[in-house]
Amino acid sequence: MPRQVTYKFKKQVKVIPFAFDKFNDPYEAVAAAEGIDIRDFLMMEQQVASTTREKSALRDFRIKSFAKWGITDVAFVRDEES
């Protein structure tokens, strides 16, 4: 069953398909769907990861960076079993 990612882009809720063979995480898929170049962001994220041991610092950096671009509430869509 294919996965889907939901997110808000400039206060508009969107849903996109997601595959791990194309993207490492849902944030990369969202950036690709919106046409945002995240190469500089990924380099900075590596620097943050190498300077801190706390995973929360890396997560906060990612959430704040994407919020600056207008992307919030990134999450996988859960399939409801009927």
N, C-alpha and C. Protein backbone atom coordinates (compact mmCIF):
# COMPACT_ATOMS: atom_id res chain seq x y z
N MET A 1 0.84 -1.18 0.00
CA MET A 1 0.00 0.00 0.00
C MET A 1 0.89 1.24 0.00
N PRO A 2 0.65 2.16 -0.92
CA PRO A 2 1.50 3.35 -0.99
C PRO A 2 1.29 4.27 0.22
N ARG A 3 2.35 4.93 0.59
CA ARG A 3 2.28 5.89 1.70
C ARG A 3 1.93 7.26 1.15
N GLN A 4 1.38 8.07 2.04
CA GLN A 4 1.07 9.45 1.69
C GLN A 4 1.55 10.36 2.81
N VAL A 5 1.87 11.58 2.43
CA VAL A 5 2.31 12.60 3.39
C VAL A 5 1.33 13.76 3.30
N THR A 6 0.93 14.25 4.46
CA THR A 6 0.08 15.44 4.51
C THR A 6 0.89 16.58 5.11
N TYR A 7 0.61 17.80 4.66
CA TYR A 7 1.31 18.98 5.15
C TYR A 7 0.51 20.23 4.82
N LYS A 8 0.87 21.32 5.46
CA LYS A 8 0.27 22.61 5.14
C LYS A 8 1.34 23.46 4.46
N PHE A 9 0.97 24.02 3.32
CA PHE A 9 1.85 24.94 2.62
C PHE A 9 1.10 26.25 2.48
N LYS A 10 1.60 27.26 3.19
CA LYS A 10 0.94 28.57 3.21
C LYS A 10 -0.53 28.44 3.58
N LYS A 11 -0.79 27.69 4.66
CA LYS A 11 -2.11 27.49 5.26
C LYS A 11 -3.07 26.69 4.39
N GLN A 12 -2.58 26.01 3.36
CA GLN A 12 -3.41 25.15 2.53
C GLN A 12 -2.96 23.71 2.74
N VAL A 13 -3.87 22.82 3.15
CA VAL A 13 -3.54 21.43 3.41
C VAL A 13 -3.39 20.69 2.09
N LYS A 14 -2.30 19.91 1.98
CA LYS A 14 -2.03 19.15 0.78
C LYS A 14 -1.63 17.73 1.16
N VAL A 15 -1.86 16.79 0.26
CA VAL A 15 -1.48 15.39 0.44
C VAL A 15 -0.74 14.95 -0.81
N ILE A 16 0.43 14.31 -0.60
CA ILE A 16 1.24 13.85 -1.73
C ILE A 16 1.63 12.39 -1.51
N PRO A 17 1.93 11.65 -2.59
CA PRO A 17 2.42 10.28 -2.43
C PRO A 17 3.87 10.31 -1.95
N PHE A 18 4.28 9.25 -1.27
CA PHE A 18 5.64 9.17 -0.73
C PHE A 18 6.19 7.77 -0.94
N ALA A 19 7.47 7.70 -1.33
CA ALA A 19 8.15 6.42 -1.49
C ALA A 19 9.57 6.56 -0.95
N PHE A 20 9.99 5.60 -0.13
CA PHE A 20 11.33 5.65 0.45
C PHE A 20 12.42 5.45 -0.61
N ASP A 21 12.10 4.88 -1.76
CA ASP A 21 13.12 4.71 -2.80
C ASP A 21 13.45 6.03 -3.51
N LYS A 22 12.59 7.04 -3.34
CA LYS A 22 12.84 8.36 -3.95
C LYS A 22 13.33 9.39 -2.94
N PHE A 23 12.84 9.30 -1.70
CA PHE A 23 13.15 10.31 -0.68
C PHE A 23 13.57 9.65 0.62
N ASN A 24 14.41 10.34 1.38
CA ASN A 24 14.86 9.83 2.67
C ASN A 24 13.83 10.05 3.77
N ASP A 25 13.08 11.11 3.67
CA ASP A 25 12.07 11.42 4.69
C ASP A 25 10.97 12.28 4.07
N PRO A 26 9.87 12.45 4.80
CA PRO A 26 8.75 13.20 4.23
C PRO A 26 9.06 14.67 3.93
N TYR A 27 9.98 15.26 4.67
CA TYR A 27 10.32 16.66 4.42
C TYR A 27 10.95 16.84 3.04
N GLU A 28 11.80 15.90 2.63
CA GLU A 28 12.39 15.99 1.30
C GLU A 28 11.32 15.86 0.22
N ALA A 29 10.34 14.99 0.44
CA ALA A 29 9.25 14.82 -0.53
C ALA A 29 8.42 16.09 -0.65
N VAL A 30 8.15 16.72 0.47
CA VAL A 30 7.37 17.96 0.46
C VAL A 30 8.13 19.06 -0.27
N ALA A 31 9.41 19.19 0.00
CA ALA A 31 10.21 20.21 -0.67
C ALA A 31 10.22 19.97 -2.18
N ALA A 32 10.35 18.73 -2.60
CA ALA A 32 10.34 18.41 -4.03
C ALA A 32 8.98 18.74 -4.65
N ALA A 33 7.91 18.43 -3.93
CA ALA A 33 6.57 18.70 -4.45
C ALA A 33 6.32 20.19 -4.62
N GLU A 34 6.91 21.00 -3.76
CA GLU A 34 6.71 22.45 -3.84
C GLU A 34 7.81 23.15 -4.65
N GLY A 35 8.77 22.39 -5.15
CA GLY A 35 9.82 22.98 -5.99
C GLY A 35 10.85 23.78 -5.22
N ILE A 36 11.09 23.41 -3.97
CA ILE A 36 12.05 24.13 -3.12
C ILE A 36 13.38 23.41 -3.16
N ASP A 37 14.45 24.13 -3.45
CA ASP A 37 15.80 23.57 -3.47
C ASP A 37 16.33 23.54 -2.04
N ILE A 38 16.60 22.34 -1.52
CA ILE A 38 17.03 22.22 -0.13
C ILE A 38 18.48 21.77 0.00
N ARG A 39 19.28 21.93 -1.03
CA ARG A 39 20.69 21.50 -0.95
C ARG A 39 21.44 22.25 0.15
N ASP A 40 21.27 23.57 0.22
CA ASP A 40 21.94 24.34 1.27
C ASP A 40 21.43 23.94 2.65
N PHE A 41 20.12 23.71 2.75
CA PHE A 41 19.54 23.27 4.01
C PHE A 41 20.14 21.95 4.46
N LEU A 42 20.29 20.99 3.54
CA LEU A 42 20.84 19.68 3.89
C LEU A 42 22.29 19.78 4.37
N MET A 43 23.07 20.67 3.77
CA MET A 43 24.44 20.88 4.23
C MET A 43 24.46 21.46 5.64
N MET A 44 23.61 22.43 5.91
CA MET A 44 23.53 23.03 7.24
C MET A 44 23.03 22.01 8.25
N GLU A 45 22.09 21.18 7.85
CA GLU A 45 21.56 20.15 8.74
C GLU A 45 22.67 19.16 9.14
N GLN A 46 23.54 18.82 8.21
CA GLN A 46 24.68 17.95 8.54
C GLN A 46 25.60 18.60 9.55
N GLN A 47 25.81 19.90 9.43
CA GLN A 47 26.65 20.62 10.38
C GLN A 47 26.01 20.64 11.77
N VAL A 48 24.70 20.84 11.83
CA VAL A 48 24.00 20.82 13.11
C VAL A 48 24.11 19.44 13.73
N ALA A 49 23.93 18.40 12.92
CA ALA A 49 24.01 17.03 13.42
C ALA A 49 25.40 16.69 13.95
N SER A 50 26.42 17.25 13.33
CA SER A 50 27.78 16.93 13.76
C SER A 50 28.20 17.71 15.01
N THR A 51 27.47 18.79 15.33
CA THR A 51 27.86 19.60 16.49
C THR A 51 27.01 19.36 17.72
N THR A 52 25.97 18.55 17.60
CA THR A 52 25.11 18.29 18.76
C THR A 52 24.83 16.81 18.90
N ARG A 53 24.59 16.39 20.12
CA ARG A 53 24.22 15.00 20.36
C ARG A 53 22.72 14.84 20.54
N GLU A 54 22.04 15.94 20.74
CA GLU A 54 20.60 15.90 20.98
C GLU A 54 19.82 15.83 19.67
N LYS A 55 18.96 14.84 19.56
CA LYS A 55 18.13 14.72 18.37
C LYS A 55 17.09 15.83 18.31
N SER A 56 16.71 16.35 19.46
CA SER A 56 15.70 17.41 19.47
C SER A 56 16.21 18.68 18.79
N ALA A 57 17.51 18.94 18.89
CA ALA A 57 18.08 20.13 18.24
C ALA A 57 17.98 20.00 16.73
N LEU A 58 18.23 18.82 16.22
CA LEU A 58 18.15 18.58 14.79
C LEU A 58 16.70 18.67 14.31
N ARG A 59 15.78 18.10 15.08
CA ARG A 59 14.36 18.16 14.74
C ARG A 59 13.86 19.60 14.77
N ASP A 60 14.24 20.36 15.78
CA ASP A 60 13.83 21.77 15.88
C ASP A 60 14.37 22.59 14.72
N PHE A 61 15.62 22.33 14.33
CA PHE A 61 16.21 23.03 13.19
C PHE A 61 15.41 22.76 11.93
N ARG A 62 15.04 21.51 11.71
CA ARG A 62 14.29 21.13 10.52
C ARG A 62 12.90 21.78 10.51
N ILE A 63 12.20 21.69 11.63
CA ILE A 63 10.84 22.25 11.70
C ILE A 63 10.86 23.76 11.49
N LYS A 64 11.81 24.45 12.12
CA LYS A 64 11.89 25.91 11.98
C LYS A 64 12.29 26.33 10.57
N SER A 65 13.20 25.58 9.96
CA SER A 65 13.62 25.92 8.60
C SER A 65 12.47 25.77 7.61
N PHE A 66 11.72 24.69 7.72
CA PHE A 66 10.61 24.49 6.81
C PHE A 66 9.48 25.48 7.10
N ALA A 67 9.30 25.86 8.34
CA ALA A 67 8.28 26.85 8.68
C ALA A 67 8.59 28.20 8.02
N LYS A 68 9.87 28.53 7.87
CA LYS A 68 10.25 29.77 7.19
C LYS A 68 9.80 29.76 5.73
N TRP A 69 9.74 28.57 5.13
CA TRP A 69 9.29 28.44 3.74
C TRP A 69 7.78 28.31 3.64
N GLY A 70 7.09 28.30 4.78
CA GLY A 70 5.64 28.20 4.78
C GLY A 70 5.12 26.77 4.86
N ILE A 71 5.99 25.82 5.19
CA ILE A 71 5.60 24.41 5.27
C ILE A 71 5.52 24.00 6.74
N THR A 72 4.33 23.53 7.16
CA THR A 72 4.13 23.11 8.54
C THR A 72 3.34 21.80 8.57
N ASP A 73 3.25 21.21 9.75
CA ASP A 73 2.43 20.02 10.01
C ASP A 73 2.71 18.87 9.05
N VAL A 74 3.97 18.56 8.81
CA VAL A 74 4.37 17.45 7.94
C VAL A 74 4.21 16.15 8.70
N ALA A 75 3.46 15.20 8.12
CA ALA A 75 3.23 13.92 8.79
C ALA A 75 2.79 12.87 7.77
N PHE A 76 3.03 11.61 8.11
CA PHE A 76 2.51 10.52 7.29
C PHE A 76 1.01 10.40 7.54
N VAL A 77 0.27 10.02 6.50
CA VAL A 77 -1.17 9.78 6.61
C VAL A 77 -1.33 8.37 7.14
N ARG A 78 -2.11 8.23 8.19
CA ARG A 78 -2.38 6.91 8.75
C ARG A 78 -3.60 6.32 8.05
N ASP A 79 -3.45 5.06 7.63
CA ASP A 79 -4.58 4.36 7.02
C ASP A 79 -5.47 3.83 8.12
N GLU A 80 -6.74 4.10 8.00
CA GLU A 80 -7.73 3.62 8.98
C GLU A 80 -8.19 2.23 8.55
N GLU A 81 -8.06 1.26 9.44
CA GLU A 81 -8.54 -0.08 9.19
C GLU A 81 -10.03 -0.14 9.48
N SER A 82 -10.82 -0.59 8.52
CA SER A 82 -12.27 -0.65 8.74
C SER A 82 -12.70 -2.03 9.14
